[in-house]
């Protein structure tokens, strides 16, 4: 469930990714990477932290995960 206000998208270098679905763009935060030596592959752990605003691409509508990873805001 999204919160009813907009916040600035965090500036965490290399940790923020975007995924487009239909007409919306969702913001994901990468919180962990686990290397699997048998498969020689890195598993990336990401959580969706909000939905990008259509009016201003630097702002987003956060969800509960945003408050979990960025409690200082």
N, C-alpha and C. Protein backbone atom coordinates (compact mmCIF):
# COMPACT_ATOMS: atom_id res chain seq x y z
N UNK A 1 0.84 -1.18 0.00
CA UNK A 1 0.00 0.00 0.00
C UNK A 1 0.89 1.24 0.00
N UNK A 2 0.56 2.17 -0.86
CA UNK A 2 1.36 3.38 -0.98
C UNK A 2 0.89 4.43 0.02
N UNK A 3 1.84 5.21 0.50
CA UNK A 3 1.53 6.32 1.40
C UNK A 3 1.04 7.49 0.57
N UNK A 4 0.32 8.42 1.17
CA UNK A 4 -0.34 9.48 0.41
C UNK A 4 0.46 10.79 0.34
N UNK A 5 1.77 10.68 0.19
CA UNK A 5 2.61 11.86 0.00
C UNK A 5 3.78 11.49 -0.90
N UNK A 6 4.47 12.49 -1.41
CA UNK A 6 5.62 12.28 -2.29
C UNK A 6 6.92 12.59 -1.55
N UNK A 7 7.95 11.82 -1.87
CA UNK A 7 9.29 12.05 -1.33
C UNK A 7 10.27 12.02 -2.48
N UNK A 8 11.45 12.58 -2.25
CA UNK A 8 12.50 12.56 -3.25
C UNK A 8 13.08 11.15 -3.33
N UNK A 9 13.37 10.68 -4.54
CA UNK A 9 13.97 9.36 -4.71
C UNK A 9 15.37 9.39 -4.09
N UNK A 10 15.70 8.43 -3.23
CA UNK A 10 17.01 8.44 -2.55
C UNK A 10 18.18 8.38 -3.53
N UNK A 11 19.28 8.98 -3.13
CA UNK A 11 20.48 8.97 -3.96
C UNK A 11 21.49 7.98 -3.38
N UNK A 12 21.20 6.70 -3.51
CA UNK A 12 22.11 5.64 -3.08
C UNK A 12 22.80 5.11 -4.32
N UNK A 13 24.06 5.43 -4.48
CA UNK A 13 24.81 5.09 -5.69
C UNK A 13 24.82 3.59 -5.95
N UNK A 14 24.30 3.18 -7.09
CA UNK A 14 24.29 1.78 -7.48
C UNK A 14 23.26 0.92 -6.78
N UNK A 15 22.41 1.50 -5.97
CA UNK A 15 21.42 0.73 -5.20
C UNK A 15 19.99 0.93 -5.68
N UNK A 16 19.72 1.96 -6.46
CA UNK A 16 18.36 2.27 -6.92
C UNK A 16 18.21 1.82 -8.37
N UNK A 17 17.15 1.04 -8.64
CA UNK A 17 16.83 0.62 -10.00
C UNK A 17 15.37 0.91 -10.27
N UNK A 18 15.02 0.93 -11.55
CA UNK A 18 13.66 1.23 -11.98
C UNK A 18 13.16 0.10 -12.87
N UNK A 19 11.87 -0.20 -12.75
CA UNK A 19 11.23 -1.18 -13.62
C UNK A 19 9.90 -0.60 -14.09
N UNK A 20 9.70 -0.67 -15.41
CA UNK A 20 8.45 -0.18 -15.97
C UNK A 20 7.48 -1.32 -16.15
N UNK A 21 6.25 -1.11 -15.72
CA UNK A 21 5.16 -2.04 -15.95
C UNK A 21 3.96 -1.24 -16.40
N UNK A 22 3.46 -1.58 -17.55
CA UNK A 22 2.32 -0.88 -18.14
C UNK A 22 2.61 0.61 -18.23
N UNK A 23 1.87 1.41 -17.48
CA UNK A 23 2.01 2.87 -17.56
C UNK A 23 2.80 3.44 -16.39
N UNK A 24 3.25 2.58 -15.47
CA UNK A 24 3.91 3.05 -14.25
C UNK A 24 5.37 2.62 -14.20
N UNK A 25 6.14 3.36 -13.42
CA UNK A 25 7.55 3.04 -13.20
C UNK A 25 7.76 2.85 -11.70
N UNK A 26 8.27 1.69 -11.32
CA UNK A 26 8.45 1.36 -9.91
C UNK A 26 9.92 1.48 -9.51
N UNK A 27 10.16 1.91 -8.29
CA UNK A 27 11.51 2.15 -7.78
C UNK A 27 11.87 1.00 -6.84
N UNK A 28 13.05 0.40 -7.08
CA UNK A 28 13.53 -0.72 -6.28
C UNK A 28 14.84 -0.34 -5.59
N UNK A 29 15.03 -0.88 -4.40
CA UNK A 29 16.26 -0.66 -3.63
C UNK A 29 16.97 -2.00 -3.48
N UNK A 30 18.24 -2.04 -3.85
CA UNK A 30 19.06 -3.25 -3.74
C UNK A 30 19.70 -3.26 -2.35
N UNK A 31 19.31 -4.23 -1.54
CA UNK A 31 19.80 -4.26 -0.17
C UNK A 31 20.81 -5.36 0.10
N UNK A 32 21.03 -6.29 -0.83
CA UNK A 32 22.00 -7.36 -0.59
C UNK A 32 22.40 -8.02 -1.89
N UNK A 33 23.62 -8.57 -1.92
CA UNK A 33 24.11 -9.38 -3.04
C UNK A 33 24.77 -10.62 -2.45
N UNK A 34 24.39 -11.77 -2.97
CA UNK A 34 24.95 -13.03 -2.48
C UNK A 34 25.55 -13.77 -3.67
N UNK A 35 26.83 -14.07 -3.59
CA UNK A 35 27.52 -14.77 -4.67
C UNK A 35 27.40 -16.27 -4.46
N UNK A 36 26.99 -16.99 -5.50
CA UNK A 36 26.88 -18.45 -5.48
C UNK A 36 28.07 -19.01 -6.25
N UNK A 37 29.09 -19.53 -5.56
CA UNK A 37 30.30 -19.99 -6.26
C UNK A 37 30.08 -21.23 -7.13
N UNK A 38 29.08 -22.04 -6.82
CA UNK A 38 28.86 -23.23 -7.63
C UNK A 38 28.28 -22.87 -9.01
N UNK A 39 27.39 -21.89 -9.02
CA UNK A 39 26.79 -21.45 -10.29
C UNK A 39 27.55 -20.29 -10.90
N UNK A 40 28.49 -19.69 -10.14
CA UNK A 40 29.24 -18.51 -10.57
C UNK A 40 28.28 -17.39 -10.98
N UNK A 41 27.40 -17.08 -10.05
CA UNK A 41 26.33 -16.14 -10.32
C UNK A 41 26.05 -15.35 -9.04
N UNK A 42 25.73 -14.07 -9.20
CA UNK A 42 25.38 -13.24 -8.06
C UNK A 42 23.87 -13.07 -7.98
N UNK A 43 23.30 -13.40 -6.85
CA UNK A 43 21.87 -13.21 -6.60
C UNK A 43 21.68 -11.86 -5.93
N UNK A 44 20.87 -11.03 -6.55
CA UNK A 44 20.63 -9.69 -6.04
C UNK A 44 19.29 -9.67 -5.31
N UNK A 45 19.28 -9.13 -4.10
CA UNK A 45 18.07 -8.99 -3.31
C UNK A 45 17.58 -7.56 -3.44
N UNK A 46 16.36 -7.38 -3.96
CA UNK A 46 15.78 -6.05 -4.14
C UNK A 46 14.39 -6.01 -3.53
N UNK A 47 14.02 -4.82 -3.10
CA UNK A 47 12.68 -4.59 -2.58
C UNK A 47 12.11 -3.33 -3.24
N UNK A 48 10.83 -3.38 -3.59
CA UNK A 48 10.18 -2.22 -4.17
C UNK A 48 9.91 -1.21 -3.06
N UNK A 49 10.38 0.02 -3.25
CA UNK A 49 10.21 1.04 -2.21
C UNK A 49 9.23 2.13 -2.61
N UNK A 50 8.73 2.08 -3.84
CA UNK A 50 7.75 3.10 -4.22
C UNK A 50 7.47 3.12 -5.70
N UNK A 51 6.67 4.10 -6.07
CA UNK A 51 6.22 4.29 -7.44
C UNK A 51 6.59 5.69 -7.88
N UNK A 52 7.27 5.80 -9.01
CA UNK A 52 7.74 7.09 -9.49
C UNK A 52 6.55 7.98 -9.88
N UNK A 53 6.64 9.24 -9.52
CA UNK A 53 5.58 10.21 -9.81
C UNK A 53 5.58 10.53 -11.30
N UNK A 54 4.40 10.66 -11.87
CA UNK A 54 4.29 11.00 -13.29
C UNK A 54 4.52 12.49 -13.52
N UNK A 55 4.22 13.30 -12.53
CA UNK A 55 4.38 14.75 -12.65
C UNK A 55 5.84 15.18 -12.54
N UNK A 56 6.60 14.55 -11.63
CA UNK A 56 8.01 14.90 -11.40
C UNK A 56 8.80 13.61 -11.28
N UNK A 57 9.70 13.36 -12.23
CA UNK A 57 10.44 12.09 -12.25
C UNK A 57 11.48 11.96 -11.15
N UNK A 58 11.73 13.01 -10.38
CA UNK A 58 12.66 12.94 -9.26
C UNK A 58 11.97 12.61 -7.94
N UNK A 59 10.64 12.51 -7.96
CA UNK A 59 9.85 12.23 -6.77
C UNK A 59 9.17 10.87 -6.92
N UNK A 60 8.80 10.29 -5.77
CA UNK A 60 8.09 9.01 -5.79
C UNK A 60 7.09 8.96 -4.66
N UNK A 61 6.12 8.07 -4.83
CA UNK A 61 5.13 7.79 -3.79
C UNK A 61 5.61 6.55 -3.05
N UNK A 62 6.06 6.69 -1.78
CA UNK A 62 6.68 5.57 -1.07
C UNK A 62 5.66 4.54 -0.57
N UNK A 63 6.18 3.35 -0.25
CA UNK A 63 5.38 2.33 0.42
C UNK A 63 6.03 2.00 1.76
N UNK A 64 5.57 0.95 2.43
CA UNK A 64 6.09 0.60 3.76
C UNK A 64 7.56 0.18 3.72
N UNK A 65 8.02 -0.41 2.62
CA UNK A 65 9.43 -0.81 2.52
C UNK A 65 10.36 0.40 2.54
N UNK A 66 9.90 1.52 2.00
CA UNK A 66 10.71 2.73 2.03
C UNK A 66 11.01 3.15 3.46
N UNK A 67 10.00 3.08 4.31
CA UNK A 67 10.19 3.44 5.73
C UNK A 67 11.11 2.45 6.44
N UNK A 68 11.13 1.20 6.00
CA UNK A 68 11.98 0.18 6.59
C UNK A 68 13.46 0.42 6.24
N UNK A 69 13.74 0.77 4.98
CA UNK A 69 15.13 0.95 4.54
C UNK A 69 15.65 2.37 4.75
N UNK A 70 14.77 3.35 4.83
CA UNK A 70 15.16 4.74 5.03
C UNK A 70 14.36 5.34 6.19
N UNK A 71 14.64 4.91 7.42
CA UNK A 71 13.85 5.38 8.57
C UNK A 71 14.09 6.83 8.95
N UNK A 72 15.21 7.42 8.50
CA UNK A 72 15.53 8.78 8.90
C UNK A 72 14.67 9.81 8.19
N UNK A 73 13.94 9.42 7.14
CA UNK A 73 13.13 10.38 6.39
C UNK A 73 11.78 10.55 7.04
